[in-house]
N, C-alpha and C. Protein backbone atom coordinates (compact mmCIF):
# COMPACT_ATOMS: atom_id res chain seq x y z
N MET A 1 -2.83 -1.41 -1.66
CA MET A 1 -1.70 -2.28 -1.58
C MET A 1 -1.98 -3.62 -2.22
N GLN A 2 -3.11 -3.75 -2.83
CA GLN A 2 -3.46 -5.00 -3.48
C GLN A 2 -2.39 -5.42 -4.48
N GLY A 3 -1.97 -4.52 -5.35
CA GLY A 3 -0.93 -4.84 -6.31
C GLY A 3 0.41 -5.11 -5.65
N ASP A 4 0.65 -4.50 -4.51
CA ASP A 4 1.90 -4.70 -3.80
C ASP A 4 2.02 -6.10 -3.22
N SER A 5 0.91 -6.80 -3.01
CA SER A 5 0.99 -8.11 -2.37
C SER A 5 1.85 -9.07 -3.19
N THR A 6 1.71 -9.06 -4.50
CA THR A 6 2.52 -9.96 -5.32
C THR A 6 3.98 -9.49 -5.36
N VAL A 7 4.19 -8.19 -5.37
CA VAL A 7 5.56 -7.66 -5.35
C VAL A 7 6.24 -8.06 -4.06
N TRP A 8 5.61 -7.76 -2.94
CA TRP A 8 6.22 -8.08 -1.64
C TRP A 8 6.32 -9.58 -1.43
N ASP A 9 5.34 -10.32 -1.91
CA ASP A 9 5.41 -11.77 -1.76
C ASP A 9 6.63 -12.32 -2.49
N SER A 10 6.90 -11.81 -3.70
CA SER A 10 8.08 -12.28 -4.43
C SER A 10 9.37 -11.83 -3.75
N ILE A 11 9.38 -10.64 -3.16
CA ILE A 11 10.56 -10.18 -2.43
C ILE A 11 10.82 -11.08 -1.22
N PHE A 12 9.78 -11.37 -0.46
CA PHE A 12 9.94 -12.23 0.71
C PHE A 12 10.33 -13.65 0.31
N ALA A 13 9.78 -14.14 -0.80
CA ALA A 13 10.13 -15.47 -1.27
C ALA A 13 11.60 -15.54 -1.69
N ARG A 14 12.09 -14.48 -2.29
CA ARG A 14 13.46 -14.43 -2.78
C ARG A 14 14.45 -14.09 -1.66
N GLU A 15 14.11 -13.10 -0.84
CA GLU A 15 15.05 -12.56 0.15
C GLU A 15 14.87 -13.10 1.56
N GLY A 16 13.69 -13.65 1.84
CA GLY A 16 13.40 -14.10 3.20
C GLY A 16 13.01 -12.92 4.08
N ILE A 17 13.49 -12.92 5.28
CA ILE A 17 13.18 -11.85 6.24
C ILE A 17 13.98 -10.62 5.85
N VAL A 18 13.30 -9.66 5.25
CA VAL A 18 13.96 -8.46 4.72
C VAL A 18 14.33 -7.50 5.85
N PHE A 19 13.42 -7.26 6.74
CA PHE A 19 13.66 -6.38 7.89
C PHE A 19 13.68 -7.26 9.14
N SER A 20 14.86 -7.42 9.73
CA SER A 20 14.95 -8.33 10.87
C SER A 20 14.95 -7.61 12.21
N HIS A 21 15.32 -6.35 12.22
CA HIS A 21 15.40 -5.61 13.47
C HIS A 21 14.26 -4.61 13.57
N PRO A 22 13.75 -4.39 14.77
CA PRO A 22 12.68 -3.40 14.93
C PRO A 22 13.13 -2.01 14.51
N HIS A 23 12.18 -1.23 14.08
CA HIS A 23 12.44 0.18 13.77
C HIS A 23 12.96 0.85 15.04
N ASP A 24 13.79 1.86 14.89
CA ASP A 24 14.42 2.52 16.04
C ASP A 24 13.44 3.06 17.08
N ASP A 25 12.23 3.42 16.67
CA ASP A 25 11.24 4.00 17.59
C ASP A 25 10.43 2.96 18.36
N ILE A 26 10.55 1.70 18.02
CA ILE A 26 9.72 0.67 18.62
C ILE A 26 10.00 0.47 20.11
N PRO A 27 11.24 0.46 20.58
CA PRO A 27 11.44 0.33 22.04
C PRO A 27 10.76 1.46 22.82
N TYR A 28 10.80 2.67 22.29
CA TYR A 28 10.11 3.79 22.94
C TYR A 28 8.61 3.52 23.00
N LEU A 29 8.05 3.05 21.88
CA LEU A 29 6.61 2.74 21.87
C LEU A 29 6.27 1.64 22.86
N ALA A 30 7.10 0.62 22.94
CA ALA A 30 6.84 -0.47 23.88
C ALA A 30 6.81 0.05 25.31
N ASP A 31 7.75 0.92 25.65
CA ASP A 31 7.75 1.52 26.99
C ASP A 31 6.50 2.38 27.21
N LEU A 32 6.16 3.17 26.23
CA LEU A 32 4.96 4.01 26.32
C LEU A 32 3.71 3.16 26.48
N PHE A 33 3.60 2.12 25.67
CA PHE A 33 2.44 1.23 25.76
C PHE A 33 2.35 0.57 27.13
N THR A 34 3.48 0.16 27.66
CA THR A 34 3.49 -0.47 28.98
C THR A 34 3.02 0.51 30.05
N ARG A 35 3.55 1.72 30.01
CA ARG A 35 3.16 2.75 31.00
C ARG A 35 1.67 3.08 30.91
N ARG A 36 1.10 3.02 29.74
CA ARG A 36 -0.31 3.38 29.54
C ARG A 36 -1.27 2.20 29.65
N GLY A 37 -0.75 1.02 29.92
CA GLY A 37 -1.61 -0.14 30.08
C GLY A 37 -2.12 -0.74 28.78
N THR A 38 -1.46 -0.43 27.70
CA THR A 38 -1.83 -0.99 26.40
C THR A 38 -1.60 -2.49 26.43
N GLN A 39 -2.56 -3.25 25.90
CA GLN A 39 -2.41 -4.70 25.89
C GLN A 39 -2.50 -5.29 24.49
N THR A 40 -3.45 -4.82 23.69
CA THR A 40 -3.72 -5.42 22.39
C THR A 40 -3.28 -4.47 21.27
N ILE A 41 -2.38 -4.97 20.42
CA ILE A 41 -1.76 -4.14 19.39
C ILE A 41 -1.98 -4.76 18.02
N LEU A 42 -2.23 -3.91 17.04
CA LEU A 42 -2.29 -4.34 15.64
C LEU A 42 -1.10 -3.76 14.90
N ASP A 43 -0.36 -4.64 14.21
CA ASP A 43 0.71 -4.20 13.30
C ASP A 43 0.13 -4.29 11.90
N LEU A 44 -0.23 -3.15 11.36
CA LEU A 44 -0.88 -3.05 10.06
C LEU A 44 0.19 -3.01 8.97
N GLY A 45 0.27 -4.07 8.18
CA GLY A 45 1.35 -4.21 7.21
C GLY A 45 2.57 -4.81 7.87
N CYS A 46 2.38 -5.94 8.55
CA CYS A 46 3.42 -6.50 9.41
C CYS A 46 4.57 -7.18 8.67
N GLY A 47 4.41 -7.44 7.38
CA GLY A 47 5.49 -8.08 6.63
C GLY A 47 5.88 -9.41 7.23
N THR A 48 7.17 -9.58 7.50
CA THR A 48 7.66 -10.84 8.07
C THR A 48 7.64 -10.86 9.59
N GLY A 49 7.05 -9.85 10.19
CA GLY A 49 6.72 -9.90 11.61
C GLY A 49 7.73 -9.35 12.59
N ARG A 50 8.61 -8.47 12.16
CA ARG A 50 9.62 -7.97 13.10
C ARG A 50 9.01 -7.29 14.31
N HIS A 51 7.93 -6.54 14.13
CA HIS A 51 7.32 -5.85 15.27
C HIS A 51 6.32 -6.74 16.00
N VAL A 52 5.69 -7.64 15.27
CA VAL A 52 4.83 -8.63 15.93
C VAL A 52 5.66 -9.43 16.92
N LEU A 53 6.82 -9.87 16.49
CA LEU A 53 7.71 -10.63 17.35
C LEU A 53 8.20 -9.78 18.53
N TYR A 54 8.62 -8.57 18.26
CA TYR A 54 9.13 -7.68 19.31
C TYR A 54 8.09 -7.48 20.42
N PHE A 55 6.87 -7.13 20.02
CA PHE A 55 5.84 -6.89 21.03
C PHE A 55 5.38 -8.18 21.69
N GLY A 56 5.35 -9.27 20.94
CA GLY A 56 4.99 -10.56 21.52
C GLY A 56 5.98 -10.98 22.60
N LEU A 57 7.26 -10.76 22.35
CA LEU A 57 8.29 -11.09 23.34
C LEU A 57 8.14 -10.27 24.61
N ARG A 58 7.46 -9.15 24.53
CA ARG A 58 7.26 -8.29 25.69
C ARG A 58 5.89 -8.47 26.33
N GLY A 59 5.18 -9.50 25.93
CA GLY A 59 3.94 -9.87 26.61
C GLY A 59 2.67 -9.22 26.10
N PHE A 60 2.75 -8.48 25.01
CA PHE A 60 1.54 -7.87 24.43
C PHE A 60 0.76 -8.93 23.64
N THR A 61 -0.53 -8.72 23.52
CA THR A 61 -1.36 -9.50 22.61
C THR A 61 -1.26 -8.82 21.27
N VAL A 62 -0.74 -9.54 20.27
CA VAL A 62 -0.40 -8.91 19.00
C VAL A 62 -1.16 -9.53 17.84
N TYR A 63 -1.64 -8.65 16.98
CA TYR A 63 -2.27 -9.03 15.71
C TYR A 63 -1.42 -8.45 14.60
N GLY A 64 -1.31 -9.19 13.51
CA GLY A 64 -0.58 -8.69 12.36
C GLY A 64 -1.37 -8.92 11.09
N ILE A 65 -1.43 -7.90 10.26
CA ILE A 65 -2.12 -8.01 8.97
C ILE A 65 -1.13 -7.64 7.88
N ASP A 66 -1.11 -8.46 6.83
CA ASP A 66 -0.31 -8.17 5.66
C ASP A 66 -0.95 -8.84 4.45
N SER A 67 -0.66 -8.29 3.27
CA SER A 67 -1.23 -8.86 2.06
C SER A 67 -0.34 -9.93 1.43
N ALA A 68 0.88 -10.08 1.91
CA ALA A 68 1.82 -11.04 1.33
C ALA A 68 1.84 -12.34 2.14
N PRO A 69 1.34 -13.43 1.55
CA PRO A 69 1.30 -14.70 2.30
C PRO A 69 2.68 -15.22 2.70
N THR A 70 3.68 -15.00 1.89
CA THR A 70 5.03 -15.46 2.25
C THR A 70 5.54 -14.70 3.46
N GLY A 71 5.28 -13.41 3.53
CA GLY A 71 5.66 -12.63 4.69
C GLY A 71 5.01 -13.16 5.96
N LEU A 72 3.73 -13.48 5.87
CA LEU A 72 3.02 -14.01 7.04
C LEU A 72 3.54 -15.39 7.43
N ARG A 73 3.90 -16.19 6.45
CA ARG A 73 4.47 -17.51 6.74
C ARG A 73 5.79 -17.35 7.49
N LEU A 74 6.62 -16.42 7.03
CA LEU A 74 7.89 -16.16 7.71
C LEU A 74 7.67 -15.59 9.11
N ALA A 75 6.67 -14.75 9.27
CA ALA A 75 6.33 -14.22 10.60
C ALA A 75 5.92 -15.36 11.52
N GLN A 76 5.09 -16.25 11.01
CA GLN A 76 4.62 -17.39 11.81
C GLN A 76 5.80 -18.27 12.23
N GLN A 77 6.74 -18.48 11.33
CA GLN A 77 7.92 -19.29 11.65
C GLN A 77 8.74 -18.64 12.77
N GLN A 78 8.91 -17.33 12.70
CA GLN A 78 9.66 -16.63 13.75
C GLN A 78 8.95 -16.74 15.10
N LEU A 79 7.64 -16.59 15.07
CA LEU A 79 6.86 -16.69 16.31
C LEU A 79 6.99 -18.09 16.91
N GLN A 80 6.85 -19.11 16.06
CA GLN A 80 6.97 -20.49 16.55
C GLN A 80 8.35 -20.75 17.12
N HIS A 81 9.38 -20.26 16.44
CA HIS A 81 10.75 -20.44 16.92
C HIS A 81 10.94 -19.80 18.30
N ALA A 82 10.25 -18.70 18.55
CA ALA A 82 10.35 -18.00 19.84
C ALA A 82 9.36 -18.55 20.87
N GLY A 83 8.54 -19.52 20.47
CA GLY A 83 7.54 -20.07 21.39
C GLY A 83 6.37 -19.14 21.64
N LEU A 84 6.07 -18.29 20.66
CA LEU A 84 5.00 -17.30 20.79
C LEU A 84 3.88 -17.56 19.81
N THR A 85 2.76 -16.94 20.08
CA THR A 85 1.65 -16.94 19.14
C THR A 85 1.20 -15.50 18.92
N ALA A 86 0.64 -15.28 17.77
CA ALA A 86 0.02 -13.99 17.44
C ALA A 86 -1.09 -14.29 16.45
N HIS A 87 -1.96 -13.36 16.28
CA HIS A 87 -3.07 -13.50 15.35
C HIS A 87 -2.66 -12.86 14.03
N LEU A 88 -2.39 -13.69 13.02
CA LEU A 88 -1.94 -13.17 11.73
C LEU A 88 -3.05 -13.36 10.70
N LEU A 89 -3.23 -12.36 9.88
CA LEU A 89 -4.31 -12.37 8.89
C LEU A 89 -3.80 -11.82 7.57
N GLN A 90 -4.06 -12.56 6.50
CA GLN A 90 -3.72 -12.07 5.16
C GLN A 90 -4.88 -11.22 4.66
N GLN A 91 -4.60 -9.96 4.43
CA GLN A 91 -5.62 -9.03 3.95
C GLN A 91 -4.96 -7.77 3.46
N ASP A 92 -5.55 -7.15 2.47
CA ASP A 92 -5.12 -5.84 2.01
C ASP A 92 -5.46 -4.85 3.13
N VAL A 93 -4.48 -4.05 3.52
CA VAL A 93 -4.69 -3.15 4.65
C VAL A 93 -5.68 -2.03 4.34
N PHE A 94 -6.05 -1.85 3.07
CA PHE A 94 -7.00 -0.82 2.71
C PHE A 94 -8.43 -1.32 2.64
N ASN A 95 -8.64 -2.59 2.94
CA ASN A 95 -10.00 -3.12 3.04
C ASN A 95 -10.46 -3.02 4.48
N ARG A 96 -11.76 -3.01 4.66
CA ARG A 96 -12.33 -2.93 6.01
C ARG A 96 -11.81 -4.08 6.86
N LEU A 97 -11.33 -3.76 8.04
CA LEU A 97 -10.77 -4.77 8.92
C LEU A 97 -11.88 -5.53 9.65
N PRO A 98 -11.67 -6.81 9.91
CA PRO A 98 -12.71 -7.64 10.54
C PRO A 98 -12.72 -7.56 12.06
N PHE A 99 -12.57 -6.37 12.60
CA PHE A 99 -12.54 -6.19 14.05
C PHE A 99 -13.54 -5.11 14.43
N GLY A 100 -14.10 -5.23 15.61
CA GLY A 100 -15.04 -4.23 16.08
C GLY A 100 -14.34 -2.92 16.44
N GLU A 101 -15.15 -1.91 16.60
CA GLU A 101 -14.63 -0.59 16.98
C GLU A 101 -13.94 -0.68 18.34
N ALA A 102 -12.82 -0.02 18.46
CA ALA A 102 -12.01 0.05 19.69
C ALA A 102 -11.51 -1.33 20.13
N PHE A 103 -11.34 -2.25 19.18
CA PHE A 103 -10.83 -3.59 19.48
C PHE A 103 -9.38 -3.54 19.96
N PHE A 104 -8.61 -2.64 19.37
CA PHE A 104 -7.18 -2.54 19.68
C PHE A 104 -6.91 -1.36 20.60
N ASP A 105 -5.93 -1.53 21.46
CA ASP A 105 -5.46 -0.43 22.28
C ASP A 105 -4.51 0.47 21.49
N ALA A 106 -3.83 -0.12 20.52
CA ALA A 106 -2.89 0.64 19.69
C ALA A 106 -2.75 -0.03 18.33
N ILE A 107 -2.55 0.81 17.32
CA ILE A 107 -2.30 0.32 15.96
C ILE A 107 -1.03 1.00 15.48
N LEU A 108 -0.11 0.20 14.95
CA LEU A 108 1.08 0.78 14.36
C LEU A 108 1.22 0.29 12.92
N SER A 109 1.83 1.10 12.12
CA SER A 109 2.05 0.78 10.73
C SER A 109 3.37 1.45 10.32
N VAL A 110 4.43 0.66 10.27
CA VAL A 110 5.76 1.20 10.05
C VAL A 110 6.23 0.89 8.63
N GLN A 111 6.59 1.92 7.91
CA GLN A 111 7.11 1.80 6.55
C GLN A 111 6.15 1.05 5.64
N VAL A 112 4.88 1.42 5.70
CA VAL A 112 3.87 0.73 4.91
C VAL A 112 3.16 1.68 3.96
N ILE A 113 2.60 2.74 4.49
CA ILE A 113 1.68 3.57 3.73
C ILE A 113 2.33 4.23 2.51
N HIS A 114 3.62 4.46 2.54
CA HIS A 114 4.30 5.09 1.41
C HIS A 114 4.45 4.15 0.21
N HIS A 115 4.04 2.90 0.36
CA HIS A 115 4.09 1.94 -0.75
C HIS A 115 2.81 1.94 -1.58
N THR A 116 1.97 2.89 -1.36
CA THR A 116 0.68 2.90 -2.06
C THR A 116 0.48 4.21 -2.81
N ARG A 117 -0.66 4.32 -3.43
CA ARG A 117 -1.00 5.53 -4.17
C ARG A 117 -1.75 6.51 -3.27
N ILE A 118 -1.57 7.78 -3.52
CA ILE A 118 -2.21 8.82 -2.72
C ILE A 118 -3.73 8.69 -2.72
N ALA A 119 -4.32 8.22 -3.81
CA ALA A 119 -5.78 8.05 -3.87
C ALA A 119 -6.25 7.03 -2.85
N GLN A 120 -5.46 5.97 -2.62
CA GLN A 120 -5.83 4.97 -1.62
C GLN A 120 -5.74 5.56 -0.21
N ILE A 121 -4.71 6.33 0.04
CA ILE A 121 -4.54 6.93 1.35
C ILE A 121 -5.67 7.92 1.64
N CYS A 122 -6.01 8.74 0.67
CA CYS A 122 -7.05 9.75 0.86
C CYS A 122 -8.45 9.16 0.98
N SER A 123 -8.64 7.94 0.51
CA SER A 123 -9.97 7.34 0.58
C SER A 123 -10.24 6.67 1.92
N LEU A 124 -9.25 6.63 2.79
CA LEU A 124 -9.43 5.98 4.11
C LEU A 124 -10.37 6.76 4.99
């Protein structure tokens, strides 16, 4: 997704918050995570933070990683507006993550992986 960072960054710069509502399956996941005692979540490819915000509003500890700095800036603005904090990191999602093994209780990645090449996916 390295090449996608400039594409998505220009989209976010031009369009702003492209996806404002959570994916339809996210409320189900939030309920499931709550029932299972999940606390720490990573949104891999978080974009402008729609799911980071959703889970943050529900009391989860949320981390978001994206390669587009404008997306992360917009995510941070949404979090601040809601009075929330999250751990946001600019990084290509296909590089080794700076977290220890089993750091997260759950990792989600919504509408991200299809934006890359099959060789990148297979090398994971």
